Amino acid sequence: MEHPKQYHSQEIKKNGQIVIVEGPVSSEDLEQYYFDEGLKAFRPPKKQYDAIKSIADFPEGRIIIARDKDKIIGYATFLHPDPLERWSTIKMDDLLELGAIEVSHDYRGLGVGSTILKVSMMDEQMENYIVITTEYYWHWDMKSTGLNVWEYRKLMETMMGYGGLKPMSTDDPEIISHPANCLLVRIGKNVPDESIKTFDSLRFMGRNDLFM
């Protein structure tokens, strides 16, 4: 499967600030900018910056960034699921995982996260993919937001909805280990029925004799 990438961008003007949301961007594009020190949810900023540059070079890898001039203040990553995850048990070229989305604390409240997701889906190529993301309550920043686990779950569902991702059921042990955890999915309009059936078998491996 080919993975063409069509660049799109959108500007946010709010509270006297201007933020550019754009992508997919290449590793060469990323080299022109620097990483906000507030982007540290997954690993130290420099290491996360290096990680997204490497993802940008994957054939299927997509990096969408939000920047204030030459400072990256938010990003999202899309790539094939990790080989160690259940979602890679059957190799699907048309399955992408929204692996990470993060916005620097200083820029929250501007709609950066939702705009990143909207720009992510502007490329018509995204209609050829099933896009998933897995949400676990232990990753959520409830301390700084003051939200409880159910309020944060609702927040995540609402934000992911801007990218067309909706909750779907699964028997994945990690997801069903807590009722707030969830699998969110977007199935592109050009995804063939065979891929949807394969994906359903990944969602419910416990019901498939192949995996018993």
C-alpha atoms as a PDB file:
ATOM      1  CA  MET A   1       0.000   0.000   0.000  1.00  0.00           C
ATOM      2  CA  GLU A   2       1.276   3.460  -0.894  1.00  0.00           C
ATOM      3  CA  HIS A   3       1.161   6.175   1.762  1.00  0.00           C
ATOM      4  CA  PRO A   4       1.033   9.562  -0.006  1.00  0.00           C
ATOM      5  CA  LYS A   5       0.929  12.608   2.283  1.00  0.00           C
ATOM      6  CA  GLN A   6      -0.793  15.884   1.375  1.00  0.00           C
ATOM      7  CA  TYR A   7       0.138  18.942   3.430  1.00  0.00           C
ATOM      8  CA  HIS A   8      -2.600  21.065   5.022  1.00  0.00           C
ATOM      9  CA  SER A   9      -2.564  23.920   7.508  1.00  0.00           C
ATOM     10  CA  GLN A  10      -4.867  26.054   9.615  1.00  0.00           C
ATOM     11  CA  GLU A  11      -4.272  29.185  11.661  1.00  0.00           C
ATOM     12  CA  ILE A  12      -5.562  29.771  15.179  1.00  0.00           C
ATOM     13  CA  LYS A  13      -5.972  33.380  16.279  1.00  0.00           C
ATOM     14  CA  LYS A  14      -7.139  33.691  19.861  1.00  0.00           C
ATOM     15  CA  ASN A  15      -6.319  35.721  22.974  1.00  0.00           C
ATOM     16  CA  GLY A  16      -3.747  37.716  21.046  1.00  0.00           C
ATOM     17  CA  GLN A  17      -1.845  34.589  20.016  1.00  0.00           C
ATOM     18  CA  ILE A  18      -1.308  33.118  16.567  1.00  0.00           C
ATOM     19  CA  VAL A  19      -0.645  29.392  16.240  1.00  0.00           C
ATOM     20  CA  ILE A  20      -0.054  27.553  12.962  1.00  0.00           C
ATOM     21  CA  VAL A  21      -1.260  23.951  12.799  1.00  0.00           C
ATOM     22  CA  GLU A  22       0.213  22.055   9.856  1.00  0.00           C
ATOM     23  CA  GLY A  23       1.211  18.718   8.456  1.00  0.00           C
ATOM     24  CA  PRO A  24       2.103  16.088   7.692  1.00  0.00           C
ATOM     25  CA  VAL A  25       5.602  17.538   8.071  1.00  0.00           C
ATOM     26  CA  SER A  26       8.909  15.860   7.267  1.00  0.00           C
ATOM     27  CA  SER A  27      11.925  15.443   9.523  1.00  0.00           C
ATOM     28  CA  GLU A  28      13.606  18.175   7.458  1.00  0.00           C
ATOM     29  CA  ASP A  29      10.690  20.502   8.213  1.00  0.00           C
ATOM     30  CA  LEU A  30      10.949  19.691  11.908  1.00  0.00           C
ATOM     31  CA  GLU A  31      14.641  20.594  11.939  1.00  0.00           C
ATOM     32  CA  GLN A  32      13.668  24.222  11.280  1.00  0.00           C
ATOM     33  CA  TYR A  33      11.891  24.477  14.638  1.00  0.00           C
ATOM     34  CA  TYR A  34      12.567  23.839  18.302  1.00  0.00           C
ATOM     35  CA  PHE A  35      10.529  21.966  20.892  1.00  0.00           C
ATOM     36  CA  ASP A  36       8.677  23.692  23.724  1.00  0.00           C
ATOM     37  CA  GLU A  37      10.018  22.544  27.096  1.00  0.00           C
ATOM     38  CA  GLY A  38       6.419  21.998  28.238  1.00  0.00           C
ATOM     39  CA  LEU A  39       6.066  19.010  25.892  1.00  0.00           C
ATOM     40  CA  LYS A  40       7.163  16.369  28.362  1.00  0.00           C
ATOM     41  CA  ALA A  41       4.150  14.113  28.933  1.00  0.00           C
ATOM     42  CA  PHE A  42       5.727  11.035  27.320  1.00  0.00           C
ATOM     43  CA  ARG A  43       9.477  11.586  27.685  1.00  0.00           C
ATOM     44  CA  PRO A  44      11.918  14.503  28.083  1.00  0.00           C
ATOM     45  CA  PRO A  45      11.336  17.166  25.383  1.00  0.00           C
ATOM     46  CA  LYS A  46      14.559  16.529  23.451  1.00  0.00           C
ATOM     47  CA  LYS A  47      13.919  12.783  23.296  1.00  0.00           C
ATOM     48  CA  GLN A  48      10.316  13.316  22.213  1.00  0.00           C
ATOM     49  CA  TYR A  49      11.493  15.768  19.539  1.00  0.00           C
ATOM     50  CA  ASP A  50      13.909  13.107  18.228  1.00  0.00           C
ATOM     51  CA  ALA A  51      11.105  10.521  18.336  1.00  0.00           C
ATOM     52  CA  ILE A  52       8.713  12.545  16.195  1.00  0.00           C
ATOM     53  CA  LYS A  53      11.482  13.265  13.673  1.00  0.00           C
ATOM     54  CA  SER A  54      12.060   9.526  13.280  1.00  0.00           C
ATOM     55  CA  ILE A  55       8.312   8.853  12.918  1.00  0.00           C
ATOM     56  CA  ALA A  56       8.088  11.510  10.203  1.00  0.00           C
ATOM     57  CA  ASP A  57      10.484   9.428   8.106  1.00  0.00           C
ATOM     58  CA  PHE A  58       8.408   6.226   8.291  1.00  0.00           C
ATOM     59  CA  PRO A  59       6.564   5.528   4.997  1.00  0.00           C
ATOM     60  CA  GLU A  60       3.189   5.656   6.788  1.00  0.00           C
ATOM     61  CA  GLY A  61       4.292   8.037   9.561  1.00  0.00           C
ATOM     62  CA  ARG A  62       2.469  11.333   9.929  1.00  0.00           C
ATOM     63  CA  ILE A  63       3.392  14.212  12.206  1.00  0.00           C
ATOM     64  CA  ILE A  64       1.015  17.134  12.609  1.00  0.00           C
ATOM     65  CA  ILE A  65       2.441  20.067  14.569  1.00  0.00           C
ATOM     66  CA  ALA A  66       1.213  23.280  16.132  1.00  0.00           C
ATOM     67  CA  ARG A  67       3.778  26.066  16.303  1.00  0.00           C
ATOM     68  CA  ASP A  68       4.148  29.574  17.629  1.00  0.00           C
ATOM     69  CA  LYS A  69       6.549  31.017  15.047  1.00  0.00           C
ATOM     70  CA  ASP A  70       9.455  28.524  15.159  1.00  0.00           C
ATOM     71  CA  LYS A  71       8.507  26.881  18.473  1.00  0.00           C
ATOM     72  CA  ILE A  72       6.595  23.591  18.339  1.00  0.00           C
ATOM     73  CA  ILE A  73       3.935  23.787  21.048  1.00  0.00           C
ATOM     74  CA  GLY A  74       1.846  20.749  20.140  1.00  0.00           C
ATOM     75  CA  TYR A  75       1.879  17.670  17.942  1.00  0.00           C
ATOM     76  CA  ALA A  76       0.175  14.420  17.032  1.00  0.00           C
ATOM     77  CA  THR A  77       1.760  11.228  15.712  1.00  0.00           C
ATOM     78  CA  PHE A  78       0.213   8.650  13.392  1.00  0.00           C
ATOM     79  CA  LEU A  79       1.943   5.378  12.494  1.00  0.00           C
ATOM     80  CA  HIS A  80       1.367   1.640  12.332  1.00  0.00           C
ATOM     81  CA  PRO A  81       0.689   0.117  15.767  1.00  0.00           C
ATOM     82  CA  ASP A  82       3.675  -1.059  17.780  1.00  0.00           C
ATOM     83  CA  PRO A  83       4.673  -4.666  16.913  1.00  0.00           C
ATOM     84  CA  LEU A  84       4.228  -5.598  20.585  1.00  0.00           C
ATOM     85  CA  GLU A  85       0.571  -4.482  20.653  1.00  0.00           C
ATOM     86  CA  ARG A  86      -2.406  -6.694  19.844  1.00  0.00           C
ATOM     87  CA  TRP A  87      -3.274  -4.336  16.973  1.00  0.00           C
ATOM     88  CA  SER A  88      -0.220  -5.673  15.098  1.00  0.00           C
ATOM     89  CA  THR A  89      -1.083  -9.359  15.579  1.00  0.00           C
ATOM     90  CA  ILE A  90      -2.373  -9.241  12.015  1.00  0.00           C
ATOM     91  CA  LYS A  91      -0.372  -6.837   9.854  1.00  0.00           C
ATOM     92  CA  MET A  92      -2.707  -4.258   8.302  1.00  0.00           C
ATOM     93  CA  ASP A  93      -1.225  -1.651   5.972  1.00  0.00           C
ATOM     94  CA  ASP A  94      -4.390   0.413   6.321  1.00  0.00           C
ATOM     95  CA  LEU A  95      -4.397   0.563  10.138  1.00  0.00           C
ATOM     96  CA  LEU A  96      -2.841   3.629  11.780  1.00  0.00           C
ATOM     97  CA  GLU A  97      -2.581   4.483  15.451  1.00  0.00           C
ATOM     98  CA  LEU A  98      -2.810   7.984  16.846  1.00  0.00           C
ATOM     99  CA  GLY A  99       0.070   7.227  19.136  1.00  0.00           C
ATOM    100  CA  ALA A 100       0.422  10.554  20.912  1.00  0.00           C
ATOM    101  CA  ILE A 101      -1.148  13.973  21.015  1.00  0.00           C
ATOM    102  CA  GLU A 102       0.201  16.674  23.301  1.00  0.00           C
ATOM    103  CA  VAL A 103      -0.159  20.429  23.763  1.00  0.00           C
ATOM    104  CA  SER A 104       2.131  22.555  25.912  1.00  0.00           C
ATOM    105  CA  HIS A 105       0.397  23.677  29.108  1.00  0.00           C
ATOM    106  CA  ASP A 106       0.957  27.370  28.255  1.00  0.00           C
ATOM    107  CA  TYR A 107      -1.114  27.010  25.085  1.00  0.00           C
ATOM    108  CA  ARG A 108      -4.092  25.098  26.396  1.00  0.00           C
ATOM    109  CA  GLY A 109      -7.505  26.670  26.008  1.00  0.00           C
ATOM    110  CA  LEU A 110      -6.841  27.830  22.432  1.00  0.00           C
ATOM    111  CA  GLY A 111      -8.357  24.782  20.752  1.00  0.00           C
ATOM    112  CA  VAL A 112      -4.939  23.540  19.641  1.00  0.00           C
ATOM    113  CA  GLY A 113      -5.632  19.850  20.257  1.00  0.00           C
ATOM    114  CA  SER A 114      -8.927  19.833  18.383  1.00  0.00           C
ATOM    115  CA  THR A 115      -7.396  21.788  15.486  1.00  0.00           C
ATOM    116  CA  ILE A 116      -4.497  19.335  15.252  1.00  0.00           C
ATOM    117  CA  LEU A 117      -7.030  16.533  14.879  1.00  0.00           C
ATOM    118  CA  LYS A 118      -9.059  18.412  12.272  1.00  0.00           C
ATOM    119  CA  VAL A 119      -5.952  19.167  10.201  1.00  0.00           C
ATOM    120  CA  SER A 120      -4.849  15.535  10.562  1.00  0.00           C
ATOM    121  CA  MET A 121      -7.980  14.390   8.736  1.00  0.00           C
ATOM    122  CA  MET A 122      -7.928  16.994   5.929  1.00  0.00           C
ATOM    123  CA  ASP A 123      -5.777  14.740   3.735  1.00  0.00           C
ATOM    124  CA  GLU A 124      -8.034  12.605   1.546  1.00  0.00           C
ATOM    125  CA  GLN A 125      -5.587   9.722   2.054  1.00  0.00           C
ATOM    126  CA  MET A 126      -6.931   9.368   5.600  1.00  0.00           C
ATOM    127  CA  GLU A 127     -10.146   7.962   4.101  1.00  0.00           C
ATOM    128  CA  ASN A 128      -8.129   4.865   3.197  1.00  0.00           C
ATOM    129  CA  TYR A 129      -7.207   4.089   6.815  1.00  0.00           C
ATOM    130  CA  ILE A 130      -8.715   2.782  10.003  1.00  0.00           C
ATOM    131  CA  VAL A 131      -7.335   5.115  12.681  1.00  0.00           C
ATOM    132  CA  ILE A 132      -7.314   4.050  16.322  1.00  0.00           C
ATOM    133  CA  THR A 133      -6.218   5.461  19.633  1.00  0.00           C
ATOM    134  CA  THR A 134      -6.244   3.820  23.038  1.00  0.00           C
ATOM    135  CA  GLU A 135      -6.995   5.937  26.088  1.00  0.00           C
ATOM    136  CA  TYR A 136      -5.938   4.854  29.579  1.00  0.00           C
ATOM    137  CA  TYR A 137      -6.918   6.856  32.620  1.00  0.00           C
ATOM    138  CA  TRP A 138      -3.461   6.505  34.188  1.00  0.00           C
ATOM    139  CA  HIS A 139      -2.020   8.630  31.346  1.00  0.00           C
ATOM    140  CA  TRP A 140      -4.410  11.526  31.918  1.00  0.00           C
ATOM    141  CA  ASP A 141      -3.368  14.855  33.440  1.00  0.00           C
ATOM    142  CA  MET A 142      -6.156  15.062  35.999  1.00  0.00           C
ATOM    143  CA  LYS A 143      -3.980  16.793  38.582  1.00  0.00           C
ATOM    144  CA  SER A 144      -3.399  20.037  36.670  1.00  0.00           C
ATOM    145  CA  THR A 145      -6.880  20.113  35.110  1.00  0.00           C
ATOM    146  CA  GLY A 146      -8.783  19.405  38.309  1.00  0.00           C
ATOM    147  CA  LEU A 147     -11.071  17.018  36.437  1.00  0.00           C
ATOM    148  CA  ASN A 148     -12.155  13.658  37.790  1.00  0.00           C
ATOM    149  CA  VAL A 149     -11.676  10.508  35.746  1.00  0.00           C
ATOM    150  CA  TRP A 150     -15.133  10.650  34.098  1.00  0.00           C
ATOM    151  CA  GLU A 151     -14.874  14.346  33.266  1.00  0.00           C
ATOM    152  CA  TYR A 152     -11.484  13.714  31.675  1.00  0.00           C
ATOM    153  CA  ARG A 153     -12.873  10.744  29.740  1.00  0.00           C
ATOM    154  CA  LYS A 154     -15.608  13.011  28.369  1.00  0.00           C
ATOM    155  CA  LEU A 155     -12.993  15.637  27.487  1.00  0.00           C
ATOM    156  CA  MET A 156     -10.963  13.075  25.538  1.00  0.00           C
ATOM    157  CA  GLU A 157     -14.019  11.755  23.696  1.00  0.00           C
ATOM    158  CA  THR A 158     -15.015  15.295  22.721  1.00  0.00           C
ATOM    159  CA  MET A 159     -11.526  16.211  21.497  1.00  0.00           C
ATOM    160  CA  MET A 160     -11.059  12.977  19.560  1.00  0.00           C
ATOM    161  CA  GLY A 161     -14.440  13.582  17.993  1.00  0.00           C
ATOM    162  CA  TYR A 162     -12.915  16.526  16.105  1.00  0.00           C
ATOM    163  CA  GLY A 163     -10.882  13.924  14.244  1.00  0.00           C
ATOM    164  CA  GLY A 164     -13.891  11.680  13.718  1.00  0.00           C
ATOM    165  CA  LEU A 165     -12.774   9.090  16.283  1.00  0.00           C
ATOM    166  CA  LYS A 166     -15.564   7.448  18.257  1.00  0.00           C
ATOM    167  CA  PRO A 167     -15.613   4.840  21.065  1.00  0.00           C
ATOM    168  CA  MET A 168     -15.758   1.199  20.021  1.00  0.00           C
ATOM    169  CA  SER A 169     -15.956  -1.873  22.215  1.00  0.00           C
ATOM    170  CA  THR A 170     -13.115  -4.368  22.545  1.00  0.00           C
ATOM    171  CA  ASP A 171     -12.041  -7.227  24.782  1.00  0.00           C
ATOM    172  CA  ASP A 172      -8.484  -5.876  25.091  1.00  0.00           C
ATOM    173  CA  PRO A 173      -7.475  -6.694  28.703  1.00  0.00           C
ATOM    174  CA  GLU A 174      -5.794  -3.353  29.388  1.00  0.00           C
ATOM    175  CA  ILE A 175      -8.746  -1.353  28.112  1.00  0.00           C
ATOM    176  CA  ILE A 176     -11.386  -3.354  29.986  1.00  0.00           C
ATOM    177  CA  SER A 177      -9.304  -3.286  33.187  1.00  0.00           C
ATOM    178  CA  HIS A 178     -10.986   0.048  34.047  1.00  0.00           C
ATOM    179  CA  PRO A 179     -14.351   1.365  32.783  1.00  0.00           C
ATOM    180  CA  ALA A 180     -12.893   4.798  31.965  1.00  0.00           C
ATOM    181  CA  ASN A 181     -10.376   3.356  29.511  1.00  0.00           C
ATOM    182  CA  CYS A 182     -11.507   3.255  25.910  1.00  0.00           C
ATOM    183  CA  LEU A 183     -10.700   2.444  22.307  1.00  0.00           C
ATOM    184  CA  LEU A 184     -11.559   5.222  19.848  1.00  0.00           C
ATOM    185  CA  VAL A 185     -11.768   4.529  16.129  1.00  0.00           C
ATOM    186  CA  ARG A 186     -12.242   6.298  12.810  1.00  0.00           C
ATOM    187  CA  ILE A 187     -12.956   4.136   9.757  1.00  0.00           C
ATOM    188  CA  GLY A 188     -12.268   5.977   6.514  1.00  0.00           C
ATOM    189  CA  LYS A 189     -14.950   5.911   3.846  1.00  0.00           C
ATOM    190  CA  ASN A 190     -12.692   4.033   1.397  1.00  0.00           C
ATOM    191  CA  VAL A 191     -11.671   1.230   3.768  1.00  0.00           C
ATOM    192  CA  PRO A 192     -12.687  -2.137   2.253  1.00  0.00           C
ATOM    193  CA  ASP A 193     -15.031  -4.502   4.095  1.00  0.00           C
ATOM    194  CA  GLU A 194     -12.262  -7.098   4.373  1.00  0.00           C
ATOM    195  CA  SER A 195     -10.111  -4.689   6.388  1.00  0.00           C
ATOM    196  CA  ILE A 196     -13.042  -3.872   8.661  1.00  0.00           C
ATOM    197  CA  LYS A 197     -13.599  -7.598   9.296  1.00  0.00           C
ATOM    198  CA  THR A 198      -9.896  -8.068  10.074  1.00  0.00           C
ATOM    199  CA  PHE A 199      -9.976  -5.125  12.443  1.00  0.00           C
ATOM    200  CA  ASP A 200     -13.050  -6.545  14.184  1.00  0.00           C
ATOM    201  CA  SER A 201     -11.132  -9.777  14.776  1.00  0.00           C
ATOM    202  CA  LEU A 202      -8.410  -7.713  16.456  1.00  0.00           C
ATOM    203  CA  ARG A 203     -10.952  -5.923  18.622  1.00  0.00           C
ATOM    204  CA  PHE A 204     -12.369  -9.227  19.850  1.00  0.00           C
ATOM    205  CA  MET A 205      -9.493 -11.693  19.783  1.00  0.00           C
ATOM    206  CA  GLY A 206     -11.091 -13.698  22.577  1.00  0.00           C
ATOM    207  CA  ARG A 207     -13.986 -14.579  20.271  1.00  0.00           C
ATOM    208  CA  ASN A 208     -11.822 -15.685  17.379  1.00  0.00           C
ATOM    209  CA  ASP A 209     -10.723 -19.339  17.350  1.00  0.00           C
ATOM    210  CA  LEU A 210      -7.562 -18.267  15.514  1.00  0.00           C
ATOM    211  CA  PHE A 211      -6.333 -16.626  18.694  1.00  0.00           C
ATOM    212  CA  MET A 212      -7.630 -19.110  21.299  1.00  0.00           C
END
